[in-house]
């Protein structure tokens, strides 16, 4: 499922809905993650209003089991590629940058057979110290989001 390449990590999750549906949700409905994953995502706000677009800044308050209390992140949408159904998000501030000097996620949605798709999460990170852990909690959460959103979209 995951293969580490130095400070890069790719996670592939097979899903049952078309890639366009997945990509569209991320691009147009990301703030709804608060309703879909209330135990993990406490708030998700896009600064200045508007939607997910290049340069947009999102403020996240989340709990993925690392500290036992909610953490925060300020994340910028670095790029969106509609043709390849890809989003790149980069952490600007917050708890994740206490453990990693840099943290970036590339999310790509690819069609596979019979209307299904594959979500590929590519993480690029630099540890703040030798003792910093691998981003396993984030990887596990990414898999949870992909599978949970797949179940939600299947019902829709």
N, C-alpha and C. Protein backbone atom coordinates (compact mmCIF):
# COMPACT_ATOMS: atom_id res chain seq x y z
N UNK A 1 0.82 -1.19 0.00
CA UNK A 1 0.00 0.00 0.00
C UNK A 1 0.86 1.25 0.00
N UNK A 2 1.91 1.32 0.80
CA UNK A 2 2.76 2.51 0.84
C UNK A 2 4.20 2.10 0.58
N UNK A 3 4.90 2.92 -0.17
CA UNK A 3 6.30 2.66 -0.46
C UNK A 3 7.07 3.94 -0.17
N UNK A 4 8.04 3.85 0.73
CA UNK A 4 8.79 5.04 1.10
C UNK A 4 9.99 5.22 0.21
N UNK A 5 10.22 6.43 -0.24
CA UNK A 5 11.35 6.77 -1.08
C UNK A 5 12.06 7.96 -0.45
N UNK A 6 12.87 7.73 0.60
CA UNK A 6 13.52 8.83 1.30
C UNK A 6 12.49 9.67 2.00
N UNK A 7 12.36 10.92 1.58
CA UNK A 7 11.35 11.79 2.16
C UNK A 7 10.14 11.91 1.26
N UNK A 8 9.87 10.88 0.52
CA UNK A 8 8.67 10.81 -0.31
C UNK A 8 7.94 9.52 0.03
N UNK A 9 6.64 9.61 -0.01
CA UNK A 9 5.81 8.46 0.34
C UNK A 9 4.60 8.49 -0.57
N UNK A 10 4.30 7.37 -1.22
CA UNK A 10 3.10 7.27 -2.06
C UNK A 10 2.14 6.27 -1.45
N UNK A 11 0.88 6.65 -1.39
CA UNK A 11 -0.17 5.78 -0.86
C UNK A 11 -1.23 5.66 -1.94
N UNK A 12 -1.54 4.42 -2.34
CA UNK A 12 -2.54 4.15 -3.37
C UNK A 12 -3.77 3.53 -2.71
N UNK A 13 -4.94 4.11 -3.00
CA UNK A 13 -6.19 3.59 -2.44
C UNK A 13 -7.16 3.34 -3.58
N UNK A 14 -7.59 2.09 -3.73
CA UNK A 14 -8.58 1.74 -4.75
C UNK A 14 -9.96 2.15 -4.26
N UNK A 15 -10.72 2.75 -5.17
CA UNK A 15 -12.07 3.21 -4.83
C UNK A 15 -13.05 2.70 -5.88
N UNK A 16 -14.34 2.86 -5.59
CA UNK A 16 -15.36 2.28 -6.46
C UNK A 16 -16.09 3.31 -7.31
N UNK A 17 -15.81 4.59 -7.11
CA UNK A 17 -16.49 5.64 -7.88
C UNK A 17 -15.51 6.26 -8.89
N UNK A 18 -16.03 6.88 -9.95
CA UNK A 18 -15.15 7.47 -10.96
C UNK A 18 -14.25 8.57 -10.40
N UNK A 19 -13.09 8.70 -11.00
CA UNK A 19 -12.10 9.70 -10.57
C UNK A 19 -12.67 11.12 -10.63
N UNK A 20 -13.47 11.43 -11.65
CA UNK A 20 -14.05 12.77 -11.76
C UNK A 20 -14.91 13.11 -10.55
N UNK A 21 -15.63 12.12 -10.04
CA UNK A 21 -16.49 12.33 -8.89
C UNK A 21 -15.64 12.64 -7.65
N UNK A 22 -14.59 11.86 -7.43
CA UNK A 22 -13.67 12.09 -6.31
C UNK A 22 -13.01 13.45 -6.41
N UNK A 23 -12.43 13.73 -7.57
CA UNK A 23 -11.73 14.99 -7.80
C UNK A 23 -12.68 16.17 -7.61
N UNK A 24 -13.87 16.06 -8.15
CA UNK A 24 -14.86 17.12 -8.02
C UNK A 24 -15.21 17.41 -6.57
N UNK A 25 -15.30 16.35 -5.76
CA UNK A 25 -15.61 16.57 -4.35
C UNK A 25 -14.48 17.33 -3.67
N UNK A 26 -13.24 16.90 -3.89
CA UNK A 26 -12.10 17.59 -3.29
C UNK A 26 -12.05 19.05 -3.73
N UNK A 27 -12.27 19.28 -5.00
CA UNK A 27 -12.15 20.64 -5.54
C UNK A 27 -13.32 21.54 -5.12
N UNK A 28 -14.52 20.99 -5.06
CA UNK A 28 -15.71 21.81 -4.85
C UNK A 28 -16.36 21.70 -3.47
N UNK A 29 -16.03 20.66 -2.72
CA UNK A 29 -16.74 20.41 -1.46
C UNK A 29 -15.83 20.09 -0.28
N UNK A 30 -14.55 20.41 -0.36
CA UNK A 30 -13.63 20.03 0.70
C UNK A 30 -14.08 20.48 2.10
N UNK A 31 -14.69 21.66 2.28
CA UNK A 31 -15.15 22.03 3.61
C UNK A 31 -16.17 21.04 4.21
N UNK A 32 -16.81 20.24 3.38
CA UNK A 32 -17.77 19.23 3.88
C UNK A 32 -17.08 18.08 4.61
N UNK A 33 -15.74 18.02 4.55
CA UNK A 33 -15.02 16.99 5.31
C UNK A 33 -15.36 17.07 6.80
N UNK A 34 -15.71 18.27 7.28
CA UNK A 34 -16.06 18.45 8.68
C UNK A 34 -17.28 17.59 9.03
N UNK A 35 -18.28 17.54 8.14
CA UNK A 35 -19.46 16.72 8.38
C UNK A 35 -19.18 15.23 8.16
N UNK A 36 -18.33 14.91 7.20
CA UNK A 36 -18.06 13.51 6.89
C UNK A 36 -17.12 12.84 7.89
N UNK A 37 -16.21 13.62 8.48
CA UNK A 37 -15.21 13.07 9.41
C UNK A 37 -15.15 13.91 10.69
N UNK A 38 -16.29 14.01 11.41
CA UNK A 38 -16.35 14.91 12.57
C UNK A 38 -15.40 14.54 13.71
N UNK A 39 -15.03 13.28 13.83
CA UNK A 39 -14.10 12.89 14.88
C UNK A 39 -12.68 13.40 14.59
N UNK A 40 -12.38 13.56 13.31
CA UNK A 40 -11.02 13.92 12.92
C UNK A 40 -10.86 15.36 12.46
N UNK A 41 -11.82 15.89 11.73
CA UNK A 41 -11.70 17.24 11.21
C UNK A 41 -12.71 18.11 11.95
N UNK A 42 -12.17 18.98 12.78
CA UNK A 42 -13.02 19.83 13.62
C UNK A 42 -13.49 21.06 12.86
N UNK A 43 -12.59 21.71 12.13
CA UNK A 43 -12.96 22.85 11.29
C UNK A 43 -12.08 22.85 10.06
N UNK A 44 -12.62 23.38 8.98
CA UNK A 44 -11.86 23.58 7.75
C UNK A 44 -12.44 24.83 7.10
N UNK A 45 -11.65 25.88 7.11
CA UNK A 45 -12.11 27.15 6.57
C UNK A 45 -11.17 27.59 5.45
N UNK A 46 -11.75 28.13 4.41
CA UNK A 46 -10.96 28.70 3.33
C UNK A 46 -10.90 30.20 3.59
N UNK A 47 -9.69 30.73 3.79
CA UNK A 47 -9.54 32.16 4.09
C UNK A 47 -10.03 33.00 2.92
N UNK A 48 -10.73 34.06 3.27
CA UNK A 48 -11.21 34.97 2.25
C UNK A 48 -12.39 34.44 1.45
N UNK A 49 -12.95 33.33 1.89
CA UNK A 49 -14.09 32.76 1.17
C UNK A 49 -13.65 32.15 -0.14
N UNK A 50 -14.59 31.87 -0.97
CA UNK A 50 -14.27 31.26 -2.26
C UNK A 50 -14.01 29.78 -2.11
N UNK A 51 -13.64 29.17 -3.19
CA UNK A 51 -13.44 27.74 -3.19
C UNK A 51 -11.97 27.36 -3.19
N UNK A 52 -11.76 26.08 -3.39
CA UNK A 52 -10.41 25.54 -3.47
C UNK A 52 -9.87 25.91 -4.85
N UNK A 53 -8.84 26.75 -4.85
CA UNK A 53 -8.23 27.23 -6.09
C UNK A 53 -6.75 27.47 -5.82
N UNK A 54 -5.93 27.56 -6.85
CA UNK A 54 -4.51 27.82 -6.62
C UNK A 54 -4.31 29.10 -5.82
N UNK A 55 -3.48 29.00 -4.79
CA UNK A 55 -3.21 30.14 -3.93
C UNK A 55 -4.14 30.25 -2.73
N UNK A 56 -5.26 29.54 -2.74
CA UNK A 56 -6.19 29.59 -1.62
C UNK A 56 -5.50 29.03 -0.37
N UNK A 57 -5.84 29.63 0.77
CA UNK A 57 -5.28 29.20 2.05
C UNK A 57 -6.41 28.64 2.90
N UNK A 58 -6.18 27.44 3.43
CA UNK A 58 -7.17 26.77 4.26
C UNK A 58 -6.64 26.65 5.67
N UNK A 59 -7.52 26.83 6.64
CA UNK A 59 -7.19 26.66 8.05
C UNK A 59 -7.88 25.39 8.53
N UNK A 60 -7.08 24.44 9.00
CA UNK A 60 -7.59 23.15 9.45
C UNK A 60 -7.41 23.05 10.97
N UNK A 61 -8.40 22.48 11.63
CA UNK A 61 -8.28 22.04 13.01
C UNK A 61 -8.65 20.57 12.97
N UNK A 62 -7.72 19.71 13.38
CA UNK A 62 -7.92 18.28 13.18
C UNK A 62 -7.37 17.47 14.34
N UNK A 63 -7.83 16.24 14.44
CA UNK A 63 -7.34 15.29 15.46
C UNK A 63 -7.22 13.93 14.79
N UNK A 64 -6.00 13.52 14.58
CA UNK A 64 -5.78 12.21 13.95
C UNK A 64 -5.02 11.26 14.88
N UNK A 65 -5.16 11.51 16.18
CA UNK A 65 -4.62 10.60 17.17
C UNK A 65 -3.16 10.77 17.51
N UNK A 66 -2.59 11.92 17.21
CA UNK A 66 -1.17 12.12 17.50
C UNK A 66 -0.97 12.66 18.91
N UNK A 67 -1.71 13.70 19.28
CA UNK A 67 -1.49 14.37 20.56
C UNK A 67 -2.60 14.15 21.57
N UNK A 68 -3.73 13.64 21.15
CA UNK A 68 -4.87 13.49 22.04
C UNK A 68 -5.75 14.73 22.11
N UNK A 69 -5.33 15.79 21.42
CA UNK A 69 -6.14 16.99 21.34
C UNK A 69 -6.02 17.56 19.93
N UNK A 70 -6.96 18.41 19.53
CA UNK A 70 -6.91 18.95 18.17
C UNK A 70 -5.63 19.73 17.87
N UNK A 71 -5.19 19.61 16.64
CA UNK A 71 -4.03 20.31 16.14
C UNK A 71 -4.49 21.26 15.04
N UNK A 72 -3.60 22.16 14.62
CA UNK A 72 -3.96 23.12 13.58
C UNK A 72 -2.97 23.07 12.43
N UNK A 73 -3.43 23.51 11.29
CA UNK A 73 -2.57 23.64 10.12
C UNK A 73 -3.10 24.76 9.24
N UNK A 74 -2.19 25.51 8.69
CA UNK A 74 -2.50 26.50 7.66
C UNK A 74 -1.91 25.93 6.38
N UNK A 75 -2.76 25.68 5.39
CA UNK A 75 -2.37 24.96 4.19
C UNK A 75 -2.70 25.80 2.96
N UNK A 76 -1.76 25.86 2.03
CA UNK A 76 -1.98 26.59 0.78
C UNK A 76 -2.19 25.59 -0.36
N UNK A 77 -3.15 25.90 -1.21
CA UNK A 77 -3.34 25.11 -2.43
C UNK A 77 -2.27 25.58 -3.40
N UNK A 78 -1.26 24.75 -3.59
CA UNK A 78 -0.15 25.14 -4.45
C UNK A 78 -0.54 25.08 -5.92
N UNK A 79 -1.26 24.02 -6.29
CA UNK A 79 -1.69 23.92 -7.70
C UNK A 79 -2.89 23.00 -7.83
N UNK A 80 -3.61 23.23 -8.92
CA UNK A 80 -4.73 22.39 -9.32
C UNK A 80 -4.57 22.13 -10.81
N UNK A 81 -4.67 20.88 -11.20
CA UNK A 81 -4.55 20.49 -12.61
C UNK A 81 -5.80 19.71 -12.97
N UNK A 82 -6.76 20.39 -13.61
CA UNK A 82 -8.03 19.74 -13.95
C UNK A 82 -7.84 18.60 -14.96
N UNK A 83 -6.94 18.78 -15.91
CA UNK A 83 -6.73 17.75 -16.94
C UNK A 83 -6.25 16.44 -16.34
N UNK A 84 -5.33 16.53 -15.36
CA UNK A 84 -4.79 15.32 -14.72
C UNK A 84 -5.44 15.02 -13.38
N UNK A 85 -6.48 15.80 -13.03
CA UNK A 85 -7.21 15.63 -11.76
C UNK A 85 -6.24 15.52 -10.58
N UNK A 86 -5.47 16.59 -10.39
CA UNK A 86 -4.44 16.61 -9.36
C UNK A 86 -4.51 17.90 -8.55
N UNK A 87 -4.37 17.76 -7.23
CA UNK A 87 -4.28 18.89 -6.31
C UNK A 87 -2.96 18.77 -5.55
N UNK A 88 -2.29 19.89 -5.32
CA UNK A 88 -1.09 19.90 -4.49
C UNK A 88 -1.32 20.88 -3.35
N UNK A 89 -1.17 20.39 -2.12
CA UNK A 89 -1.38 21.18 -0.92
C UNK A 89 -0.07 21.25 -0.14
N UNK A 90 0.23 22.42 0.42
CA UNK A 90 1.48 22.60 1.15
C UNK A 90 1.21 23.24 2.50
N UNK A 91 1.76 22.65 3.57
CA UNK A 91 1.61 23.21 4.92
C UNK A 91 2.45 24.47 5.03
N UNK A 92 1.84 25.55 5.52
CA UNK A 92 2.53 26.82 5.73
C UNK A 92 2.85 27.05 7.20
N UNK A 93 1.94 26.63 8.08
CA UNK A 93 2.08 26.82 9.53
C UNK A 93 1.34 25.68 10.22
N UNK A 94 1.61 25.54 11.52
CA UNK A 94 0.84 24.61 12.31
C UNK A 94 1.65 23.49 12.92
N UNK A 95 0.93 22.59 13.58
CA UNK A 95 1.55 21.51 14.34
C UNK A 95 2.40 20.58 13.49
N UNK A 96 1.99 20.32 12.27
CA UNK A 96 2.76 19.41 11.42
C UNK A 96 4.17 19.93 11.19
N UNK A 97 4.33 21.25 11.17
CA UNK A 97 5.65 21.83 10.93
C UNK A 97 6.51 21.90 12.18
N UNK A 98 5.99 21.40 13.30
CA UNK A 98 6.83 21.21 14.49
C UNK A 98 7.63 19.92 14.38
N UNK A 99 7.12 18.99 13.57
CA UNK A 99 7.77 17.69 13.40
C UNK A 99 8.50 17.60 12.07
N UNK A 100 7.99 18.31 11.07
CA UNK A 100 8.57 18.28 9.72
C UNK A 100 8.90 19.71 9.29
N UNK A 101 10.07 19.90 8.70
CA UNK A 101 10.45 21.23 8.19
C UNK A 101 9.55 21.64 7.04
N UNK A 102 9.15 20.66 6.24
CA UNK A 102 8.23 20.91 5.13
C UNK A 102 7.32 19.71 5.00
N UNK A 103 6.11 19.95 4.50
CA UNK A 103 5.12 18.89 4.36
C UNK A 103 4.20 19.26 3.21
N UNK A 104 4.20 18.44 2.17
CA UNK A 104 3.40 18.71 0.98
C UNK A 104 2.68 17.43 0.57
N UNK A 105 1.43 17.57 0.14
CA UNK A 105 0.65 16.43 -0.33
C UNK A 105 0.17 16.68 -1.76
N UNK A 106 0.42 15.72 -2.61
CA UNK A 106 -0.11 15.74 -3.98
C UNK A 106 -1.17 14.64 -4.04
N UNK A 107 -2.37 15.02 -4.47
CA UNK A 107 -3.48 14.06 -4.53
C UNK A 107 -3.89 13.94 -5.98
N UNK A 108 -3.83 12.72 -6.50
CA UNK A 108 -4.20 12.49 -7.90
C UNK A 108 -5.29 11.43 -7.95
N UNK A 109 -6.23 11.62 -8.86
CA UNK A 109 -7.39 10.74 -9.00
C UNK A 109 -7.35 10.15 -10.41
N UNK A 110 -7.20 8.83 -10.49
CA UNK A 110 -7.08 8.15 -11.79
C UNK A 110 -8.20 7.14 -11.98
N UNK A 111 -8.76 7.10 -13.19
CA UNK A 111 -9.76 6.08 -13.51
C UNK A 111 -9.09 4.73 -13.69
N UNK A 112 -9.80 3.70 -13.29
CA UNK A 112 -9.40 2.32 -13.56
C UNK A 112 -10.61 1.63 -14.18
N UNK A 113 -10.62 0.33 -14.27
CA UNK A 113 -11.70 -0.41 -14.93
C UNK A 113 -13.06 -0.25 -14.25
N UNK A 114 -14.10 -0.39 -15.05
CA UNK A 114 -15.49 -0.48 -14.59
C UNK A 114 -15.96 0.71 -13.76
N UNK A 115 -15.50 1.91 -14.09
CA UNK A 115 -15.97 3.10 -13.39
C UNK A 115 -15.33 3.34 -12.04
N UNK A 116 -14.40 2.50 -11.65
CA UNK A 116 -13.71 2.68 -10.37
C UNK A 116 -12.53 3.63 -10.57
N UNK A 117 -11.86 3.95 -9.49
CA UNK A 117 -10.72 4.84 -9.57
C UNK A 117 -9.67 4.47 -8.54
N UNK A 118 -8.55 5.14 -8.64
CA UNK A 118 -7.46 4.99 -7.68
C UNK A 118 -7.08 6.39 -7.24
N UNK A 119 -7.02 6.58 -5.92
CA UNK A 119 -6.56 7.84 -5.35
C UNK A 119 -5.11 7.63 -4.95
N UNK A 120 -4.24 8.50 -5.44
CA UNK A 120 -2.82 8.41 -5.10
C UNK A 120 -2.45 9.65 -4.30
N UNK A 121 -2.03 9.41 -3.06
CA UNK A 121 -1.56 10.49 -2.19
C UNK A 121 -0.04 10.43 -2.21
N UNK A 122 0.59 11.47 -2.66
CA UNK A 122 2.04 11.55 -2.63
C UNK A 122 2.46 12.57 -1.59
N UNK A 123 3.19 12.12 -0.58
CA UNK A 123 3.69 13.02 0.44
C UNK A 123 5.15 13.32 0.20
N UNK A 124 5.51 14.57 0.33
CA UNK A 124 6.91 14.99 0.35
C UNK A 124 7.10 15.72 1.67
N UNK A 125 8.11 15.29 2.42
CA UNK A 125 8.33 15.90 3.72
C UNK A 125 9.80 15.87 4.07
N UNK A 126 10.18 16.79 4.94
CA UNK A 126 11.53 16.82 5.47
C UNK A 126 11.40 16.83 6.99
N UNK A 127 12.00 15.86 7.64
CA UNK A 127 11.92 15.77 9.09
C UNK A 127 12.67 16.94 9.73
N UNK A 128 12.10 17.45 10.82
CA UNK A 128 12.74 18.55 11.54
C UNK A 128 13.95 18.06 12.33
N UNK A 129 13.98 16.77 12.66
CA UNK A 129 15.12 16.18 13.36
C UNK A 129 15.22 14.70 13.01
N UNK A 130 16.35 14.10 13.33
CA UNK A 130 16.53 12.66 13.07
C UNK A 130 15.50 11.82 13.81
N UNK A 131 15.06 12.31 14.97
CA UNK A 131 14.14 11.55 15.81
C UNK A 131 12.67 11.72 15.41
N UNK A 132 12.39 12.55 14.45
CA UNK A 132 11.01 12.76 14.02
C UNK A 132 10.45 11.46 13.44
N UNK A 133 9.21 11.14 13.76
CA UNK A 133 8.61 9.90 13.26
C UNK A 133 8.26 10.00 11.78
N UNK A 134 8.06 8.86 11.18
CA UNK A 134 7.50 8.82 9.83
C UNK A 134 6.05 9.31 9.95
N UNK A 135 5.49 9.83 8.88
CA UNK A 135 4.13 10.40 8.96
C UNK A 135 3.01 9.36 8.91
N UNK A 136 3.16 8.29 9.68
CA UNK A 136 2.19 7.19 9.65
C UNK A 136 0.77 7.62 10.00
N UNK A 137 0.62 8.51 10.99
CA UNK A 137 -0.72 8.97 11.36
C UNK A 137 -1.40 9.69 10.20
N UNK A 138 -0.62 10.46 9.47
CA UNK A 138 -1.17 11.17 8.31
C UNK A 138 -1.53 10.19 7.20
N UNK A 139 -0.68 9.21 6.98
CA UNK A 139 -0.95 8.19 5.96
C UNK A 139 -2.23 7.44 6.30
N UNK A 140 -2.35 7.01 7.54
CA UNK A 140 -3.56 6.28 7.96
C UNK A 140 -4.80 7.14 7.78
N UNK A 141 -4.69 8.43 8.08
CA UNK A 141 -5.83 9.31 7.91
C UNK A 141 -6.17 9.50 6.43
N UNK A 142 -5.17 9.60 5.57
CA UNK A 142 -5.43 9.74 4.13
C UNK A 142 -6.20 8.53 3.60
N UNK A 143 -5.82 7.34 4.05
CA UNK A 143 -6.52 6.13 3.63
C UNK A 143 -7.96 6.17 4.15
N UNK A 144 -8.14 6.60 5.40
CA UNK A 144 -9.49 6.70 5.99
C UNK A 144 -10.35 7.67 5.19
N UNK A 145 -9.79 8.82 4.80
CA UNK A 145 -10.54 9.81 4.02
C UNK A 145 -10.95 9.23 2.67
N UNK A 146 -10.01 8.58 1.99
CA UNK A 146 -10.32 8.02 0.67
C UNK A 146 -11.43 6.96 0.77
N UNK A 147 -11.32 6.07 1.73
CA UNK A 147 -12.33 5.01 1.87
C UNK A 147 -13.66 5.56 2.36
N UNK A 148 -13.63 6.51 3.28
CA UNK A 148 -14.87 7.11 3.79
C UNK A 148 -15.58 7.93 2.72
N UNK A 149 -14.80 8.68 1.95
CA UNK A 149 -15.41 9.47 0.87
C UNK A 149 -15.94 8.56 -0.22
N UNK A 150 -15.24 7.48 -0.49
CA UNK A 150 -15.72 6.50 -1.48
C UNK A 150 -17.08 5.97 -1.05
N UNK A 151 -17.23 5.59 0.22
CA UNK A 151 -18.52 5.09 0.72
C UNK A 151 -19.60 6.17 0.61
N UNK A 152 -19.26 7.41 0.95
CA UNK A 152 -20.22 8.51 0.88
C UNK A 152 -20.67 8.76 -0.57
N UNK A 153 -19.72 8.80 -1.49
CA UNK A 153 -20.05 9.08 -2.90
C UNK A 153 -20.83 7.92 -3.53
N UNK A 154 -20.57 6.71 -3.09
CA UNK A 154 -21.28 5.54 -3.60
C UNK A 154 -22.76 5.63 -3.26
N UNK A 155 -23.08 6.19 -2.07
CA UNK A 155 -24.46 6.33 -1.63
C UNK A 155 -25.18 7.48 -2.33
N UNK A 156 -24.41 8.49 -2.74
CA UNK A 156 -25.00 9.72 -3.29
C UNK A 156 -25.69 9.47 -4.62
